[in-house]
N, C-alpha and C. Protein backbone atom coordinates (compact mmCIF):
# COMPACT_ATOMS: atom_id res chain seq x y z
N GLU A 1 -3.27 -21.35 12.72
CA GLU A 1 -3.89 -20.88 13.94
C GLU A 1 -3.06 -21.31 15.14
N SER A 2 -3.02 -20.43 16.11
CA SER A 2 -2.28 -20.72 17.33
C SER A 2 -3.21 -21.36 18.35
N SER A 3 -2.69 -22.30 19.09
CA SER A 3 -3.50 -22.93 20.13
C SER A 3 -3.31 -22.23 21.46
N LEU A 4 -2.48 -21.20 21.49
CA LEU A 4 -2.25 -20.45 22.72
C LEU A 4 -3.36 -19.44 22.94
N PRO A 5 -3.70 -19.16 24.19
CA PRO A 5 -4.73 -18.15 24.44
C PRO A 5 -4.21 -16.75 24.11
N TYR A 6 -5.13 -15.84 23.88
CA TYR A 6 -4.76 -14.46 23.59
C TYR A 6 -4.08 -13.87 24.82
N PRO A 7 -2.97 -13.16 24.67
CA PRO A 7 -2.23 -12.67 25.85
C PRO A 7 -2.95 -11.51 26.53
N PHE A 8 -3.38 -11.73 27.76
CA PHE A 8 -4.03 -10.70 28.55
C PHE A 8 -3.12 -10.18 29.65
N TYR A 9 -1.89 -10.60 29.69
CA TYR A 9 -0.99 -10.22 30.77
C TYR A 9 -0.69 -8.73 30.72
N VAL A 10 -0.80 -8.09 31.87
CA VAL A 10 -0.47 -6.67 32.00
C VAL A 10 0.75 -6.58 32.88
N SER A 11 1.82 -6.07 32.34
CA SER A 11 3.09 -6.02 33.06
C SER A 11 3.18 -4.75 33.91
N VAL A 12 4.08 -4.78 34.86
CA VAL A 12 4.32 -3.62 35.70
C VAL A 12 5.03 -2.53 34.91
N THR A 13 5.96 -2.91 34.07
CA THR A 13 6.82 -1.92 33.42
C THR A 13 6.49 -1.67 31.95
N SER A 14 5.55 -2.37 31.38
CA SER A 14 5.22 -2.11 29.98
C SER A 14 3.74 -2.33 29.74
N THR A 15 3.25 -1.70 28.69
CA THR A 15 1.83 -1.83 28.34
C THR A 15 1.69 -2.19 26.87
N ASN A 16 2.34 -3.25 26.44
CA ASN A 16 2.27 -3.65 25.04
C ASN A 16 1.16 -4.66 24.78
N ASN A 17 0.24 -4.78 25.69
CA ASN A 17 -0.89 -5.68 25.54
C ASN A 17 -1.95 -5.01 24.66
N GLN A 18 -2.46 -5.71 23.66
CA GLN A 18 -3.44 -5.14 22.74
C GLN A 18 -4.78 -4.86 23.43
N VAL A 19 -5.15 -5.66 24.42
CA VAL A 19 -6.40 -5.43 25.14
C VAL A 19 -6.30 -4.14 25.95
N THR A 20 -5.15 -3.88 26.56
CA THR A 20 -4.94 -2.64 27.30
C THR A 20 -5.04 -1.45 26.35
N TYR A 21 -4.43 -1.57 25.20
CA TYR A 21 -4.48 -0.50 24.19
C TYR A 21 -5.93 -0.25 23.75
N LEU A 22 -6.67 -1.32 23.46
CA LEU A 22 -8.06 -1.20 23.03
C LEU A 22 -8.92 -0.59 24.14
N THR A 23 -8.71 -0.99 25.39
CA THR A 23 -9.48 -0.46 26.51
C THR A 23 -9.26 1.04 26.64
N LYS A 24 -8.02 1.49 26.52
CA LYS A 24 -7.73 2.92 26.61
C LYS A 24 -8.43 3.68 25.49
N ARG A 25 -8.40 3.13 24.28
CA ARG A 25 -9.04 3.79 23.15
C ARG A 25 -10.57 3.86 23.34
N LEU A 26 -11.17 2.77 23.83
CA LEU A 26 -12.62 2.76 24.06
C LEU A 26 -13.02 3.75 25.15
N LEU A 27 -12.26 3.79 26.24
CA LEU A 27 -12.55 4.76 27.30
C LEU A 27 -12.42 6.18 26.79
N SER A 28 -11.39 6.45 26.01
CA SER A 28 -11.20 7.79 25.44
C SER A 28 -12.35 8.15 24.50
N TYR A 29 -12.80 7.18 23.72
CA TYR A 29 -13.87 7.44 22.76
C TYR A 29 -15.20 7.72 23.46
N PHE A 30 -15.55 6.88 24.45
CA PHE A 30 -16.88 6.98 25.04
C PHE A 30 -17.00 7.97 26.19
N ILE A 31 -15.95 8.14 26.99
CA ILE A 31 -16.09 9.06 28.13
C ILE A 31 -15.14 10.25 28.05
N GLY A 32 -14.40 10.36 26.95
CA GLY A 32 -13.53 11.52 26.76
C GLY A 32 -14.32 12.72 26.26
N ASP A 33 -13.73 13.90 26.36
CA ASP A 33 -14.35 15.12 25.87
C ASP A 33 -13.89 15.38 24.44
N ARG A 34 -14.81 15.80 23.59
CA ARG A 34 -14.46 16.14 22.21
C ARG A 34 -13.95 17.58 22.19
N VAL A 35 -12.76 17.74 21.64
CA VAL A 35 -12.10 19.05 21.61
C VAL A 35 -12.04 19.51 20.17
N ASN A 36 -12.23 20.81 19.95
CA ASN A 36 -12.17 21.36 18.59
C ASN A 36 -10.73 21.57 18.17
N ASN A 37 -10.07 20.50 17.80
CA ASN A 37 -8.70 20.55 17.29
C ASN A 37 -8.66 19.80 15.97
N THR A 38 -7.73 20.18 15.13
CA THR A 38 -7.52 19.43 13.90
C THR A 38 -6.66 18.22 14.21
N LYS A 39 -6.51 17.35 13.23
CA LYS A 39 -5.72 16.14 13.44
C LYS A 39 -4.27 16.50 13.77
N ASP A 40 -3.74 17.53 13.13
CA ASP A 40 -2.36 17.94 13.39
C ASP A 40 -2.19 18.61 14.75
N ASN A 41 -3.24 19.28 15.25
CA ASN A 41 -3.16 19.98 16.54
C ASN A 41 -3.64 19.13 17.71
N CYS A 42 -4.02 17.90 17.47
CA CYS A 42 -4.52 17.04 18.54
C CYS A 42 -3.34 16.43 19.29
N LYS A 43 -2.66 17.29 20.04
CA LYS A 43 -1.47 16.86 20.78
C LYS A 43 -1.55 17.35 22.21
N GLN A 44 -0.83 16.70 23.06
CA GLN A 44 -0.81 17.03 24.49
C GLN A 44 -0.04 18.33 24.72
N PRO A 45 -0.70 19.35 25.33
CA PRO A 45 0.05 20.55 25.70
C PRO A 45 1.09 20.22 26.77
N LYS A 46 2.20 20.92 26.74
CA LYS A 46 3.28 20.63 27.70
C LYS A 46 2.87 20.92 29.14
N ASN A 47 1.95 21.88 29.35
CA ASN A 47 1.55 22.24 30.71
C ASN A 47 0.40 21.39 31.24
N ASN A 48 -0.10 20.44 30.46
CA ASN A 48 -1.21 19.59 30.88
C ASN A 48 -0.70 18.16 31.11
N LYS A 49 -0.54 17.80 32.37
CA LYS A 49 -0.04 16.46 32.70
C LYS A 49 -1.17 15.48 33.02
N VAL A 50 -2.41 15.97 33.09
CA VAL A 50 -3.54 15.13 33.50
C VAL A 50 -4.20 14.45 32.31
N ASN A 51 -4.48 15.22 31.26
CA ASN A 51 -5.23 14.70 30.12
C ASN A 51 -4.31 14.21 29.02
N GLN A 52 -4.85 13.30 28.22
CA GLN A 52 -4.16 12.87 27.01
C GLN A 52 -5.09 13.12 25.83
N TYR A 53 -4.51 13.54 24.73
CA TYR A 53 -5.26 13.86 23.53
C TYR A 53 -5.02 12.78 22.49
N MET A 54 -6.10 12.37 21.83
CA MET A 54 -6.01 11.27 20.89
C MET A 54 -6.97 11.54 19.72
N TRP A 55 -6.49 11.36 18.49
CA TRP A 55 -7.35 11.54 17.32
C TRP A 55 -8.16 10.27 17.09
N MET A 56 -9.48 10.44 16.97
CA MET A 56 -10.39 9.31 16.79
C MET A 56 -11.01 9.38 15.39
N GLN A 57 -11.34 8.22 14.84
CA GLN A 57 -11.92 8.15 13.50
C GLN A 57 -13.30 8.80 13.44
N GLY A 58 -14.13 8.57 14.44
CA GLY A 58 -15.47 9.14 14.43
C GLY A 58 -16.46 8.30 13.64
N GLU A 59 -17.69 8.84 13.54
CA GLU A 59 -18.77 8.13 12.88
C GLU A 59 -18.65 8.26 11.36
N MET A 60 -19.28 7.32 10.68
CA MET A 60 -19.29 7.32 9.22
C MET A 60 -20.37 8.27 8.71
N ASN A 61 -20.00 9.16 7.83
CA ASN A 61 -20.95 10.04 7.17
C ASN A 61 -21.51 9.27 5.97
N THR A 62 -22.80 8.96 6.00
CA THR A 62 -23.39 8.09 4.98
C THR A 62 -23.50 8.76 3.62
N THR A 63 -23.57 10.08 3.59
CA THR A 63 -23.70 10.76 2.29
C THR A 63 -22.38 10.85 1.56
N THR A 64 -21.28 11.05 2.28
CA THR A 64 -19.97 11.19 1.63
C THR A 64 -19.10 9.94 1.76
N ASP A 65 -19.55 8.96 2.52
CA ASP A 65 -18.79 7.72 2.76
C ASP A 65 -17.41 7.98 3.37
N THR A 66 -17.33 9.00 4.19
CA THR A 66 -16.07 9.30 4.90
C THR A 66 -16.36 9.38 6.38
N ARG A 67 -15.30 9.30 7.14
CA ARG A 67 -15.45 9.40 8.60
C ARG A 67 -15.11 10.82 9.04
N GLN A 68 -15.91 11.34 9.96
CA GLN A 68 -15.67 12.67 10.52
C GLN A 68 -14.87 12.48 11.81
N GLY A 69 -13.57 12.66 11.73
CA GLY A 69 -12.72 12.45 12.89
C GLY A 69 -12.85 13.57 13.91
N PHE A 70 -12.40 13.29 15.12
CA PHE A 70 -12.42 14.30 16.18
C PHE A 70 -11.27 14.05 17.14
N CYS A 71 -10.95 15.09 17.90
CA CYS A 71 -9.89 15.01 18.90
C CYS A 71 -10.55 14.72 20.25
N SER A 72 -10.09 13.70 20.93
CA SER A 72 -10.64 13.31 22.23
C SER A 72 -9.64 13.63 23.33
N ARG A 73 -10.13 14.34 24.37
CA ARG A 73 -9.32 14.63 25.55
C ARG A 73 -9.82 13.71 26.67
N SER A 74 -8.92 12.91 27.22
CA SER A 74 -9.33 11.90 28.18
C SER A 74 -8.32 11.79 29.31
N THR A 75 -8.78 11.26 30.44
CA THR A 75 -7.87 11.00 31.56
C THR A 75 -7.45 9.54 31.60
N ALA A 76 -7.80 8.77 30.57
CA ALA A 76 -7.35 7.37 30.49
C ALA A 76 -5.90 7.37 30.04
N VAL A 77 -5.01 6.95 30.92
CA VAL A 77 -3.57 7.00 30.62
C VAL A 77 -2.92 5.68 31.01
N TYR A 78 -1.75 5.44 30.45
CA TYR A 78 -0.91 4.32 30.87
C TYR A 78 0.04 4.84 31.94
N THR A 79 0.21 4.08 33.00
CA THR A 79 1.19 4.45 34.02
C THR A 79 1.99 3.21 34.39
N LEU A 80 3.19 3.43 34.82
CA LEU A 80 4.01 2.32 35.29
C LEU A 80 3.59 1.98 36.72
N ALA A 81 3.37 0.73 36.98
CA ALA A 81 3.02 0.28 38.33
C ALA A 81 4.29 -0.18 39.02
N GLN A 82 5.18 0.75 39.19
CA GLN A 82 6.51 0.39 39.70
C GLN A 82 6.87 1.37 40.81
N SER A 83 7.42 0.86 41.86
CA SER A 83 7.84 1.68 42.99
C SER A 83 9.01 2.58 42.59
N PRO A 84 9.06 3.82 43.09
CA PRO A 84 10.21 4.69 42.83
C PRO A 84 11.50 4.09 43.40
N LEU A 85 11.36 3.12 44.25
CA LEU A 85 12.51 2.44 44.84
C LEU A 85 13.41 1.85 43.76
N PHE A 86 12.81 1.32 42.69
CA PHE A 86 13.59 0.64 41.66
C PHE A 86 14.26 1.60 40.68
N ASP A 87 13.97 2.89 40.78
CA ASP A 87 14.64 3.88 39.94
C ASP A 87 15.99 4.31 40.52
N GLN A 88 16.27 3.94 41.75
CA GLN A 88 17.51 4.35 42.41
C GLN A 88 18.48 3.18 42.45
N ASP A 89 19.70 3.42 41.97
CA ASP A 89 20.71 2.36 41.96
C ASP A 89 21.29 2.11 43.35
N ASP A 90 21.44 3.15 44.14
CA ASP A 90 22.12 3.02 45.44
C ASP A 90 21.13 3.12 46.59
N TYR A 91 19.95 2.53 46.45
CA TYR A 91 18.94 2.63 47.49
C TYR A 91 19.35 1.80 48.71
N ASN A 92 19.17 2.39 49.88
CA ASN A 92 19.46 1.71 51.14
C ASN A 92 18.21 0.93 51.54
N TRP A 93 18.27 -0.39 51.48
CA TRP A 93 17.11 -1.24 51.75
C TRP A 93 16.70 -1.24 53.22
N ASN A 94 17.52 -0.66 54.08
CA ASN A 94 17.19 -0.60 55.50
C ASN A 94 16.30 0.60 55.83
N ILE A 95 16.15 1.52 54.91
CA ILE A 95 15.29 2.69 55.12
C ILE A 95 13.93 2.40 54.48
N ASP A 96 12.87 2.72 55.20
CA ASP A 96 11.52 2.45 54.70
C ASP A 96 10.92 3.67 54.01
N GLU A 97 11.68 4.31 53.14
CA GLU A 97 11.15 5.48 52.45
C GLU A 97 10.12 5.08 51.39
N TYR A 98 10.41 4.04 50.64
CA TYR A 98 9.48 3.54 49.62
C TYR A 98 9.20 2.07 49.89
N SER A 99 8.00 1.69 49.52
CA SER A 99 7.69 0.26 49.63
C SER A 99 8.10 -0.42 48.33
N ALA A 100 8.40 -1.69 48.43
CA ALA A 100 8.71 -2.47 47.23
C ALA A 100 7.41 -3.14 46.80
N TRP A 101 6.80 -2.62 45.76
CA TRP A 101 5.51 -3.13 45.32
C TRP A 101 5.67 -4.45 44.59
N THR A 102 4.63 -5.22 44.62
CA THR A 102 4.66 -6.49 43.91
C THR A 102 3.53 -6.53 42.89
N GLU A 103 3.64 -7.43 41.96
CA GLU A 103 2.59 -7.61 40.96
C GLU A 103 1.50 -8.51 41.51
N SER A 104 0.31 -8.27 41.05
CA SER A 104 -0.82 -9.13 41.39
C SER A 104 -1.19 -9.95 40.17
N SER A 105 -1.63 -11.15 40.40
CA SER A 105 -2.18 -11.92 39.29
C SER A 105 -3.66 -12.11 39.58
N TRP A 106 -4.49 -11.80 38.60
CA TRP A 106 -5.93 -11.83 38.77
C TRP A 106 -6.53 -12.95 37.95
N GLN A 107 -7.68 -13.40 38.41
CA GLN A 107 -8.43 -14.36 37.62
C GLN A 107 -9.03 -13.61 36.43
N THR A 108 -9.16 -14.29 35.32
CA THR A 108 -9.64 -13.61 34.11
C THR A 108 -11.09 -13.16 34.22
N ASP A 109 -11.89 -13.77 35.07
CA ASP A 109 -13.29 -13.37 35.18
C ASP A 109 -13.53 -12.36 36.29
N SER A 110 -12.47 -11.85 36.93
CA SER A 110 -12.66 -10.93 38.05
C SER A 110 -12.54 -9.47 37.64
N ILE A 111 -12.14 -9.19 36.41
CA ILE A 111 -11.97 -7.81 35.97
C ILE A 111 -13.31 -7.30 35.45
N GLN A 112 -13.75 -6.17 35.98
CA GLN A 112 -15.03 -5.60 35.59
C GLN A 112 -14.87 -4.11 35.37
N MET A 113 -15.80 -3.53 34.65
CA MET A 113 -15.81 -2.09 34.45
C MET A 113 -17.25 -1.62 34.61
N ARG A 114 -17.43 -0.52 35.33
CA ARG A 114 -18.75 0.05 35.51
C ARG A 114 -18.73 1.48 34.99
N ILE A 115 -19.72 1.80 34.22
CA ILE A 115 -19.89 3.17 33.75
C ILE A 115 -21.28 3.61 34.19
N PHE A 116 -21.34 4.74 34.87
CA PHE A 116 -22.59 5.24 35.38
C PHE A 116 -23.08 6.37 34.49
N LEU A 117 -24.31 6.28 34.05
CA LEU A 117 -24.89 7.32 33.22
C LEU A 117 -25.49 8.40 34.11
N VAL A 118 -25.23 9.63 33.79
CA VAL A 118 -25.76 10.76 34.55
C VAL A 118 -27.01 11.24 33.83
N PRO A 119 -28.15 11.33 34.55
CA PRO A 119 -29.37 11.79 33.88
C PRO A 119 -29.29 13.27 33.54
N SER A 120 -30.17 13.70 32.65
CA SER A 120 -30.20 15.11 32.27
C SER A 120 -30.73 15.95 33.43
N LYS A 121 -30.48 17.25 33.38
CA LYS A 121 -30.97 18.16 34.43
C LYS A 121 -32.49 18.14 34.48
N HIS A 122 -33.13 18.01 33.33
CA HIS A 122 -34.59 17.96 33.29
C HIS A 122 -35.12 16.75 34.06
N LEU A 123 -34.53 15.58 33.82
CA LEU A 123 -34.96 14.36 34.51
C LEU A 123 -34.69 14.46 36.01
N GLU A 124 -33.56 15.04 36.40
CA GLU A 124 -33.26 15.22 37.82
C GLU A 124 -34.29 16.13 38.48
N THR A 125 -34.68 17.22 37.79
CA THR A 125 -35.66 18.16 38.33
C THR A 125 -37.02 17.50 38.47
N VAL A 126 -37.45 16.76 37.45
CA VAL A 126 -38.74 16.06 37.50
C VAL A 126 -38.74 15.05 38.64
N THR A 127 -37.66 14.30 38.80
CA THR A 127 -37.57 13.31 39.87
C THR A 127 -37.66 13.98 41.24
N LEU A 128 -36.99 15.10 41.42
CA LEU A 128 -37.03 15.82 42.69
C LEU A 128 -38.44 16.33 42.98
N ILE A 129 -39.09 16.93 41.99
CA ILE A 129 -40.44 17.48 42.20
C ILE A 129 -41.43 16.37 42.52
N VAL A 130 -41.39 15.27 41.78
CA VAL A 130 -42.30 14.15 42.05
C VAL A 130 -42.05 13.60 43.45
N GLY A 131 -40.79 13.48 43.84
CA GLY A 131 -40.46 12.99 45.18
C GLY A 131 -40.99 13.91 46.27
N LEU A 132 -40.83 15.22 46.08
CA LEU A 132 -41.33 16.18 47.07
C LEU A 132 -42.86 16.15 47.14
N LEU A 133 -43.53 16.07 45.99
CA LEU A 133 -44.99 16.00 45.98
C LEU A 133 -45.49 14.74 46.69
N LEU A 134 -44.88 13.61 46.40
CA LEU A 134 -45.29 12.37 47.07
C LEU A 134 -45.07 12.46 48.58
N THR A 135 -43.97 13.08 48.98
CA THR A 135 -43.69 13.24 50.41
C THR A 135 -44.78 14.08 51.07
N VAL A 136 -45.16 15.19 50.45
CA VAL A 136 -46.20 16.06 51.01
C VAL A 136 -47.55 15.33 51.04
N VAL A 137 -47.91 14.63 49.97
CA VAL A 137 -49.19 13.91 49.92
C VAL A 137 -49.25 12.87 51.03
N PHE A 138 -48.19 12.10 51.20
CA PHE A 138 -48.22 11.05 52.22
C PHE A 138 -48.13 11.63 53.64
N MET A 139 -47.51 12.79 53.80
CA MET A 139 -47.52 13.43 55.13
C MET A 139 -48.94 13.87 55.48
N ILE A 140 -49.66 14.44 54.51
CA ILE A 140 -51.05 14.86 54.74
C ILE A 140 -51.92 13.64 55.03
N MET A 141 -51.76 12.57 54.25
CA MET A 141 -52.53 11.35 54.49
C MET A 141 -52.24 10.78 55.88
N THR A 142 -50.99 10.78 56.27
CA THR A 142 -50.62 10.27 57.60
C THR A 142 -51.25 11.11 58.69
N TYR A 143 -51.28 12.43 58.51
CA TYR A 143 -51.89 13.32 59.50
C TYR A 143 -53.37 12.98 59.69
N PHE A 144 -54.11 12.85 58.58
CA PHE A 144 -55.55 12.57 58.69
C PHE A 144 -55.83 11.16 59.20
N VAL A 145 -55.03 10.18 58.81
CA VAL A 145 -55.22 8.83 59.33
C VAL A 145 -54.95 8.81 60.82
N ASN A 146 -53.92 9.53 61.27
CA ASN A 146 -53.63 9.62 62.71
C ASN A 146 -54.75 10.31 63.46
N LYS A 147 -55.30 11.38 62.86
CA LYS A 147 -56.36 12.14 63.52
C LYS A 147 -57.63 11.31 63.67
N LYS A 148 -57.93 10.47 62.70
CA LYS A 148 -59.15 9.66 62.72
C LYS A 148 -58.86 8.20 63.06
N ALA A 149 -57.78 7.93 63.71
CA ALA A 149 -57.38 6.55 64.01
C ALA A 149 -58.41 5.84 64.88
N ASP A 150 -59.02 6.56 65.83
CA ASP A 150 -59.98 5.90 66.71
C ASP A 150 -61.22 5.44 65.95
N VAL A 151 -61.60 6.16 64.91
CA VAL A 151 -62.76 5.77 64.11
C VAL A 151 -62.37 4.68 63.09
N LEU A 152 -61.21 4.86 62.47
CA LEU A 152 -60.79 3.93 61.42
C LEU A 152 -60.41 2.55 61.96
N PHE A 153 -59.80 2.54 63.12
CA PHE A 153 -59.27 1.28 63.63
C PHE A 153 -59.99 0.79 64.89
N SER A 154 -61.23 1.21 65.08
CA SER A 154 -61.95 0.73 66.27
C SER A 154 -62.39 -0.71 66.04
N GLN A 155 -62.37 -1.46 67.12
CA GLN A 155 -62.78 -2.86 67.03
C GLN A 155 -64.14 -3.01 67.70
N ARG A 156 -65.06 -3.55 66.97
CA ARG A 156 -66.38 -3.78 67.55
C ARG A 156 -66.39 -5.18 68.12
N ARG A 157 -66.84 -5.27 69.34
CA ARG A 157 -66.88 -6.57 69.99
C ARG A 157 -68.33 -7.04 70.09
N THR A 158 -68.51 -8.23 69.79
CA THR A 158 -69.85 -8.80 69.94
C THR A 158 -69.86 -9.64 71.21
N ARG A 159 -70.97 -9.57 71.89
CA ARG A 159 -71.08 -10.34 73.13
C ARG A 159 -71.52 -11.75 72.82
N ARG A 160 -70.91 -12.65 73.46
CA ARG A 160 -71.32 -14.04 73.36
C ARG A 160 -71.56 -14.56 74.77
N TYR A 161 -72.69 -15.10 74.95
CA TYR A 161 -73.00 -15.66 76.27
C TYR A 161 -73.03 -17.12 76.23
């Protein structure tokens, strides 16, 4: 066993970190679109620079004891975090055409991920209708309370001598 911590370092010019690889696969699996492609056809089209296609194992079929794989189309990609400045050998450092980016080092507990679930159209419609009904009911109640405010909120004073 190694006494060294698991390497979480993410480099500017390479992505050979296993956690980065696992994160990309998980994002592709859970928020990617399932495409009707075979394993052999699950490849990136040359005219599509936005999405990446990846073959996933899929769920276990309990009757046949095999996995039903699928092709996932996702926008989770690896990119180099490097300024175009470093791609040029004869760059004039006196011209401010590109900035020279630097690496950041983060605390291990500061990295977070949020995934927002989108409700179904039915739930959105029910929520809207209930909200509108409550608004109308309380507007009517407010109207009548305002109209009868002198009766509802009158203060009776007793005389004391």
